[in-house]
Amino acid sequence: MEVMLVGFLIVLILGISTVFLVHSLPAAGLRATANEMAATIKYGKYLAKANNGKQVFDIDIDSKTYALEGRETKKIPPDIVITILDTNLDVISKGRFSIVFDAMGGNDWHSIILSRGRSRTTIAMDPVMTAVIAEGEK
């Protein structure tokens, strides 16, 4: 009887933890995409300063790709919706958008919003850190 009770409890705990894990994986993928994109943006600013030139970060919302000019193109998972706010707070949800970094650290964007279902993560422009990630509503 004790062995059956222990077996039942193990199966119950595994079932509950599987449900929590299945629900947390999409949010983790969204955060990972945002972290990788923010790191690429920061790297672009660093390259512009290090090379005393300009560096361009391109995002193609339609094909869900992004890259630094001359570097490897990275894909954004197909179920993530991308919205960009430029410096005038105009909403961009189609086409291409470029962020241009120069040696003085200038850039021309406000935030990039990545969402999947009700989860939302924002990559916001920061004058010191270049890009910071803020979690959104779930």
N, C-alpha and C. Protein backbone atom coordinates (compact mmCIF):
# COMPACT_ATOMS: atom_id res chain seq x y z
N MET A 1 0.82 -1.19 0.00
CA MET A 1 0.00 0.00 0.00
C MET A 1 0.88 1.27 0.00
N GLU A 2 1.94 1.25 0.80
CA GLU A 2 2.84 2.40 0.86
C GLU A 2 3.53 2.64 -0.48
N VAL A 3 3.94 1.57 -1.15
CA VAL A 3 4.60 1.69 -2.45
C VAL A 3 3.65 2.30 -3.47
N MET A 4 2.38 1.90 -3.45
CA MET A 4 1.39 2.46 -4.36
C MET A 4 1.16 3.93 -4.07
N LEU A 5 1.13 4.29 -2.80
CA LEU A 5 0.93 5.68 -2.43
C LEU A 5 2.11 6.54 -2.88
N VAL A 6 3.32 6.05 -2.69
CA VAL A 6 4.51 6.78 -3.12
C VAL A 6 4.51 6.91 -4.64
N GLY A 7 4.17 5.83 -5.35
CA GLY A 7 4.11 5.87 -6.81
C GLY A 7 3.07 6.88 -7.29
N PHE A 8 1.91 6.91 -6.65
CA PHE A 8 0.87 7.87 -7.00
C PHE A 8 1.35 9.30 -6.79
N LEU A 9 2.01 9.56 -5.67
CA LEU A 9 2.51 10.90 -5.39
C LEU A 9 3.57 11.33 -6.41
N ILE A 10 4.45 10.42 -6.81
CA ILE A 10 5.47 10.74 -7.82
C ILE A 10 4.82 11.10 -9.14
N VAL A 11 3.85 10.31 -9.57
CA VAL A 11 3.15 10.58 -10.83
C VAL A 11 2.40 11.92 -10.75
N LEU A 12 1.79 12.20 -9.61
CA LEU A 12 1.07 13.46 -9.42
C LEU A 12 2.02 14.66 -9.50
N ILE A 13 3.15 14.56 -8.83
CA ILE A 13 4.13 15.66 -8.85
C ILE A 13 4.69 15.85 -10.25
N LEU A 14 5.00 14.78 -10.96
CA LEU A 14 5.49 14.88 -12.33
C LEU A 14 4.44 15.51 -13.25
N GLY A 15 3.20 15.14 -13.08
CA GLY A 15 2.13 15.72 -13.90
C GLY A 15 1.98 17.21 -13.68
N ILE A 16 1.99 17.63 -12.44
CA ILE A 16 1.86 19.06 -12.13
C ILE A 16 3.06 19.84 -12.64
N SER A 17 4.26 19.32 -12.44
CA SER A 17 5.46 20.04 -12.89
C SER A 17 5.52 20.12 -14.42
N THR A 18 5.02 19.11 -15.11
CA THR A 18 4.98 19.14 -16.58
C THR A 18 4.07 20.26 -17.07
N VAL A 19 2.93 20.45 -16.43
CA VAL A 19 2.01 21.51 -16.81
C VAL A 19 2.67 22.87 -16.64
N PHE A 20 3.35 23.08 -15.51
CA PHE A 20 4.04 24.36 -15.29
C PHE A 20 5.16 24.56 -16.30
N LEU A 21 5.90 23.52 -16.62
CA LEU A 21 7.00 23.62 -17.56
C LEU A 21 6.50 23.96 -18.96
N VAL A 22 5.43 23.32 -19.39
CA VAL A 22 4.87 23.57 -20.71
C VAL A 22 4.42 25.02 -20.85
N HIS A 23 3.88 25.59 -19.78
CA HIS A 23 3.42 26.98 -19.84
C HIS A 23 4.57 27.98 -19.73
N SER A 24 5.69 27.60 -19.15
CA SER A 24 6.80 28.54 -18.99
C SER A 24 7.75 28.54 -20.18
N LEU A 25 7.75 27.51 -21.02
CA LEU A 25 8.67 27.45 -22.15
C LEU A 25 8.46 28.57 -23.18
N PRO A 26 7.25 28.89 -23.60
CA PRO A 26 7.08 29.99 -24.56
C PRO A 26 7.58 31.33 -24.01
N ALA A 27 7.32 31.61 -22.74
CA ALA A 27 7.80 32.87 -22.14
C ALA A 27 9.32 32.89 -22.09
N ALA A 28 9.93 31.75 -21.82
CA ALA A 28 11.39 31.69 -21.78
C ALA A 28 11.97 31.92 -23.18
N GLY A 29 11.32 31.39 -24.21
CA GLY A 29 11.76 31.63 -25.58
C GLY A 29 11.66 33.09 -25.97
N LEU A 30 10.61 33.76 -25.51
CA LEU A 30 10.43 35.18 -25.77
C LEU A 30 11.54 35.99 -25.09
N ARG A 31 11.82 35.69 -23.83
CA ARG A 31 12.90 36.38 -23.11
C ARG A 31 14.25 36.12 -23.75
N ALA A 32 14.50 34.88 -24.19
CA ALA A 32 15.78 34.55 -24.82
C ALA A 32 15.95 35.33 -26.12
N THR A 33 14.90 35.43 -26.92
CA THR A 33 14.97 36.21 -28.16
C THR A 33 15.24 37.68 -27.86
N ALA A 34 14.55 38.23 -26.86
CA ALA A 34 14.77 39.63 -26.49
C ALA A 34 16.19 39.86 -25.98
N ASN A 35 16.70 38.95 -25.16
CA ASN A 35 18.07 39.08 -24.64
C ASN A 35 19.10 39.04 -25.76
N GLU A 36 18.90 38.13 -26.71
CA GLU A 36 19.83 38.01 -27.83
C GLU A 36 19.79 39.25 -28.73
N MET A 37 18.58 39.76 -28.96
CA MET A 37 18.44 40.95 -29.80
C MET A 37 19.07 42.16 -29.10
N ALA A 38 18.85 42.31 -27.80
CA ALA A 38 19.43 43.43 -27.05
C ALA A 38 20.95 43.34 -27.05
N ALA A 39 21.48 42.14 -26.91
CA ALA A 39 22.94 41.96 -26.94
C ALA A 39 23.51 42.34 -28.31
N THR A 40 22.80 42.03 -29.38
CA THR A 40 23.25 42.39 -30.73
C THR A 40 23.23 43.90 -30.91
N ILE A 41 22.21 44.56 -30.38
CA ILE A 41 22.13 46.02 -30.46
C ILE A 41 23.30 46.65 -29.69
N LYS A 42 23.57 46.15 -28.49
CA LYS A 42 24.68 46.67 -27.69
C LYS A 42 26.01 46.46 -28.41
N TYR A 43 26.15 45.31 -29.04
CA TYR A 43 27.38 45.01 -29.78
C TYR A 43 27.55 45.97 -30.96
N GLY A 44 26.43 46.31 -31.62
CA GLY A 44 26.49 47.27 -32.72
C GLY A 44 26.98 48.64 -32.25
N LYS A 45 26.51 49.08 -31.10
CA LYS A 45 26.97 50.37 -30.56
C LYS A 45 28.46 50.28 -30.21
N TYR A 46 28.86 49.17 -29.63
CA TYR A 46 30.28 48.98 -29.28
C TYR A 46 31.15 49.01 -30.54
N LEU A 47 30.73 48.31 -31.59
CA LEU A 47 31.50 48.28 -32.84
C LEU A 47 31.63 49.67 -33.46
N ALA A 48 30.55 50.45 -33.42
CA ALA A 48 30.60 51.80 -33.97
C ALA A 48 31.63 52.65 -33.23
N LYS A 49 31.65 52.54 -31.91
CA LYS A 49 32.62 53.31 -31.12
C LYS A 49 34.04 52.78 -31.33
N ALA A 50 34.19 51.48 -31.34
CA ALA A 50 35.52 50.88 -31.47
C ALA A 50 36.15 51.17 -32.83
N ASN A 51 35.34 51.18 -33.88
CA ASN A 51 35.84 51.41 -35.23
C ASN A 51 35.76 52.87 -35.64
N ASN A 52 35.26 53.72 -34.74
CA ASN A 52 35.10 55.14 -35.01
C ASN A 52 34.36 55.38 -36.34
N GLY A 53 33.27 54.66 -36.49
CA GLY A 53 32.48 54.76 -37.72
C GLY A 53 31.02 54.57 -37.40
N LYS A 54 30.29 54.04 -38.37
CA LYS A 54 28.88 53.77 -38.11
C LYS A 54 28.59 52.29 -38.27
N GLN A 55 27.57 51.85 -37.57
CA GLN A 55 27.15 50.46 -37.60
C GLN A 55 25.63 50.45 -37.71
N VAL A 56 25.11 49.57 -38.56
CA VAL A 56 23.67 49.53 -38.80
C VAL A 56 23.10 48.19 -38.32
N PHE A 57 22.05 48.29 -37.49
CA PHE A 57 21.29 47.13 -37.03
C PHE A 57 19.98 47.13 -37.81
N ASP A 58 19.76 46.08 -38.62
CA ASP A 58 18.54 45.98 -39.43
C ASP A 58 17.60 44.94 -38.85
N ILE A 59 16.32 45.29 -38.84
CA ILE A 59 15.28 44.35 -38.44
C ILE A 59 14.29 44.27 -39.59
N ASP A 60 14.01 43.07 -40.08
CA ASP A 60 13.00 42.87 -41.11
C ASP A 60 11.80 42.23 -40.45
N ILE A 61 10.77 43.00 -40.22
CA ILE A 61 9.60 42.52 -39.48
C ILE A 61 8.85 41.46 -40.27
N ASP A 62 8.77 41.63 -41.59
CA ASP A 62 8.02 40.68 -42.42
C ASP A 62 8.67 39.31 -42.47
N SER A 63 9.99 39.25 -42.63
CA SER A 63 10.67 37.95 -42.69
C SER A 63 11.16 37.49 -41.32
N LYS A 64 10.96 38.33 -40.29
CA LYS A 64 11.33 38.03 -38.91
C LYS A 64 12.81 37.67 -38.79
N THR A 65 13.64 38.58 -39.26
CA THR A 65 15.09 38.43 -39.15
C THR A 65 15.70 39.74 -38.68
N TYR A 66 16.90 39.64 -38.12
CA TYR A 66 17.64 40.84 -37.74
C TYR A 66 19.13 40.55 -37.84
N ALA A 67 19.90 41.60 -38.02
CA ALA A 67 21.35 41.43 -38.15
C ALA A 67 22.05 42.76 -38.06
N LEU A 68 23.30 42.71 -37.66
CA LEU A 68 24.19 43.85 -37.80
C LEU A 68 24.72 43.81 -39.22
N GLU A 69 24.89 44.95 -39.83
CA GLU A 69 25.40 45.01 -41.20
C GLU A 69 26.74 44.28 -41.28
N GLY A 70 26.81 43.33 -42.22
CA GLY A 70 28.04 42.56 -42.42
C GLY A 70 28.19 41.37 -41.50
N ARG A 71 27.21 41.11 -40.66
CA ARG A 71 27.25 39.98 -39.72
C ARG A 71 26.15 38.97 -40.06
N GLU A 72 26.16 37.88 -39.33
CA GLU A 72 25.19 36.80 -39.54
C GLU A 72 23.76 37.26 -39.25
N THR A 73 22.84 36.87 -40.14
CA THR A 73 21.42 37.18 -39.95
C THR A 73 20.82 36.16 -38.99
N LYS A 74 20.05 36.65 -38.03
CA LYS A 74 19.42 35.77 -37.04
C LYS A 74 17.92 35.80 -37.22
N LYS A 75 17.29 34.66 -36.97
CA LYS A 75 15.84 34.54 -37.14
C LYS A 75 15.12 34.75 -35.82
N ILE A 76 13.94 35.32 -35.93
CA ILE A 76 13.04 35.48 -34.79
C ILE A 76 11.98 34.38 -34.94
N PRO A 77 11.65 33.66 -33.86
CA PRO A 77 10.63 32.60 -33.99
C PRO A 77 9.34 33.13 -34.62
N PRO A 78 8.70 32.31 -35.46
CA PRO A 78 7.53 32.78 -36.23
C PRO A 78 6.33 33.19 -35.39
N ASP A 79 6.20 32.69 -34.17
CA ASP A 79 5.03 33.05 -33.36
C ASP A 79 5.23 34.32 -32.54
N ILE A 80 6.37 34.97 -32.68
CA ILE A 80 6.62 36.23 -31.98
C ILE A 80 6.23 37.40 -32.87
N VAL A 81 5.45 38.32 -32.33
CA VAL A 81 5.01 39.51 -33.05
C VAL A 81 5.95 40.66 -32.68
N ILE A 82 6.42 41.39 -33.70
CA ILE A 82 7.39 42.47 -33.50
C ILE A 82 6.71 43.80 -33.78
N THR A 83 6.88 44.75 -32.86
CA THR A 83 6.40 46.12 -33.04
C THR A 83 7.54 47.04 -32.63
N ILE A 84 7.79 48.06 -33.44
CA ILE A 84 8.87 49.00 -33.16
C ILE A 84 8.29 50.40 -32.99
N LEU A 85 8.80 51.10 -31.99
CA LEU A 85 8.46 52.52 -31.83
C LEU A 85 9.71 53.31 -32.16
N ASP A 86 9.58 54.25 -33.13
CA ASP A 86 10.74 55.07 -33.47
C ASP A 86 10.82 56.27 -32.51
N THR A 87 11.72 57.18 -32.78
CA THR A 87 11.92 58.32 -31.87
C THR A 87 10.70 59.23 -31.77
N ASN A 88 9.84 59.22 -32.77
CA ASN A 88 8.60 60.01 -32.74
C ASN A 88 7.43 59.23 -32.14
N LEU A 89 7.72 58.02 -31.64
CA LEU A 89 6.73 57.09 -31.10
C LEU A 89 5.73 56.63 -32.15
N ASP A 90 6.15 56.65 -33.43
CA ASP A 90 5.34 56.07 -34.49
C ASP A 90 5.47 54.56 -34.42
N VAL A 91 4.36 53.85 -34.61
CA VAL A 91 4.34 52.40 -34.54
C VAL A 91 4.70 51.82 -35.90
N ILE A 92 5.69 50.94 -35.91
CA ILE A 92 6.12 50.27 -37.13
C ILE A 92 5.90 48.78 -36.92
N SER A 93 5.04 48.18 -37.75
CA SER A 93 4.75 46.75 -37.61
C SER A 93 4.91 45.99 -38.92
N LYS A 94 5.43 46.65 -39.95
CA LYS A 94 5.68 46.00 -41.25
C LYS A 94 6.96 46.55 -41.83
N GLY A 95 7.55 45.75 -42.72
CA GLY A 95 8.72 46.21 -43.45
C GLY A 95 10.02 46.11 -42.67
N ARG A 96 10.95 46.97 -43.05
CA ARG A 96 12.29 46.97 -42.45
C ARG A 96 12.48 48.23 -41.60
N PHE A 97 13.32 48.07 -40.59
CA PHE A 97 13.68 49.20 -39.75
C PHE A 97 15.16 49.10 -39.44
N SER A 98 15.85 50.22 -39.51
CA SER A 98 17.28 50.23 -39.24
C SER A 98 17.59 51.16 -38.08
N ILE A 99 18.49 50.70 -37.23
CA ILE A 99 19.02 51.53 -36.15
C ILE A 99 20.47 51.81 -36.53
N VAL A 100 20.82 53.08 -36.64
CA VAL A 100 22.17 53.46 -37.05
C VAL A 100 22.91 54.00 -35.84
N PHE A 101 24.03 53.37 -35.52
CA PHE A 101 24.90 53.83 -34.44
C PHE A 101 26.10 54.52 -35.05
N ASP A 102 26.50 55.64 -34.47
CA ASP A 102 27.71 56.31 -34.94
C ASP A 102 28.75 56.30 -33.82
N ALA A 103 29.93 56.80 -34.10
CA ALA A 103 31.03 56.77 -33.14
C ALA A 103 30.71 57.57 -31.88
N MET A 104 29.84 58.55 -31.99
CA MET A 104 29.48 59.36 -30.83
C MET A 104 28.38 58.71 -30.00
N GLY A 105 27.89 57.57 -30.44
CA GLY A 105 26.88 56.84 -29.67
C GLY A 105 25.45 57.17 -30.02
N GLY A 106 25.23 57.97 -31.05
CA GLY A 106 23.87 58.34 -31.43
C GLY A 106 23.08 57.17 -32.00
N ASN A 107 21.79 57.22 -31.80
CA ASN A 107 20.92 56.21 -32.39
C ASN A 107 19.53 56.81 -32.55
N ASP A 108 18.68 56.13 -33.32
CA ASP A 108 17.40 56.71 -33.69
C ASP A 108 16.23 55.75 -33.51
N TRP A 109 16.03 55.30 -32.29
CA TRP A 109 14.92 54.39 -32.01
C TRP A 109 14.46 54.60 -30.58
N HIS A 110 13.27 54.12 -30.28
CA HIS A 110 12.73 54.26 -28.93
C HIS A 110 12.61 52.90 -28.24
N SER A 111 11.91 51.95 -28.87
CA SER A 111 11.77 50.62 -28.27
C SER A 111 11.33 49.59 -29.30
N ILE A 112 11.64 48.34 -28.99
CA ILE A 112 11.22 47.20 -29.79
C ILE A 112 10.38 46.32 -28.86
N ILE A 113 9.17 46.02 -29.27
CA ILE A 113 8.26 45.22 -28.45
C ILE A 113 8.10 43.86 -29.09
N LEU A 114 8.41 42.82 -28.34
CA LEU A 114 8.24 41.44 -28.78
C LEU A 114 7.11 40.84 -27.95
N SER A 115 6.14 40.22 -28.63
CA SER A 115 5.03 39.63 -27.89
C SER A 115 4.68 38.26 -28.45
N ARG A 116 4.20 37.44 -27.55
CA ARG A 116 3.73 36.10 -27.89
C ARG A 116 2.52 35.85 -27.00
N GLY A 117 1.35 35.81 -27.61
CA GLY A 117 0.13 35.65 -26.82
C GLY A 117 -0.03 36.85 -25.91
N ARG A 118 -0.19 36.60 -24.62
CA ARG A 118 -0.34 37.68 -23.65
C ARG A 118 0.98 38.12 -23.05
N SER A 119 2.06 37.41 -23.33
CA SER A 119 3.38 37.79 -22.82
C SER A 119 4.00 38.85 -23.72
N ARG A 120 4.65 39.82 -23.10
CA ARG A 120 5.26 40.89 -23.85
C ARG A 120 6.57 41.31 -23.20
N THR A 121 7.59 41.50 -24.02
CA THR A 121 8.88 41.97 -23.55
C THR A 121 9.30 43.16 -24.40
N THR A 122 9.79 44.20 -23.75
CA THR A 122 10.18 45.41 -24.45
C THR A 122 11.68 45.62 -24.33
N ILE A 123 12.32 45.90 -25.46
CA ILE A 123 13.73 46.29 -25.48
C ILE A 123 13.69 47.81 -25.66
N ALA A 124 14.06 48.54 -24.63
CA ALA A 124 13.97 49.99 -24.66
C ALA A 124 15.35 50.62 -24.85
N MET A 125 15.37 51.74 -25.56
CA MET A 125 16.62 52.47 -25.76
C MET A 125 17.00 53.15 -24.45
N ASP A 126 18.26 53.01 -24.11
CA ASP A 126 18.80 53.64 -22.91
C ASP A 126 20.09 54.34 -23.30
N PRO A 127 20.27 55.62 -22.96
CA PRO A 127 21.46 56.35 -23.40
C PRO A 127 22.78 55.76 -22.88
N VAL A 128 22.76 55.14 -21.73
CA VAL A 128 23.99 54.60 -21.15
C VAL A 128 24.17 53.14 -21.54
N MET A 129 23.15 52.33 -21.32
CA MET A 129 23.25 50.89 -21.54
C MET A 129 22.94 50.49 -22.99
N THR A 130 22.50 51.39 -23.82
CA THR A 130 22.08 51.19 -25.20
C THR A 130 20.71 50.53 -25.27
N ALA A 131 20.56 49.36 -24.66
CA ALA A 131 19.29 48.65 -24.72
C ALA A 131 19.05 47.96 -23.39
N VAL A 132 17.86 48.16 -22.84
CA VAL A 132 17.49 47.48 -21.60
C VAL A 132 16.19 46.72 -21.84
N ILE A 133 16.03 45.63 -21.13
CA ILE A 133 14.86 44.78 -21.31
C ILE A 133 13.91 45.00 -20.15
N ALA A 134 12.65 45.22 -20.48
CA ALA A 134 11.60 45.40 -19.48
C ALA A 134 10.51 44.38 -19.74
N GLU A 135 10.18 43.60 -18.74
CA GLU A 135 9.12 42.61 -18.89
C GLU A 135 7.78 43.32 -18.98
N GLY A 136 6.87 42.74 -19.77
CA GLY A 136 5.55 43.33 -19.93
C GLY A 136 4.50 42.52 -19.22
N GLU A 137 3.22 42.81 -19.54
CA GLU A 137 2.13 42.08 -18.92
C GLU A 137 2.10 40.65 -19.40
N LYS A 138 1.56 39.81 -18.57
CA LYS A 138 1.41 38.40 -18.94
C LYS A 138 -0.04 38.03 -18.91
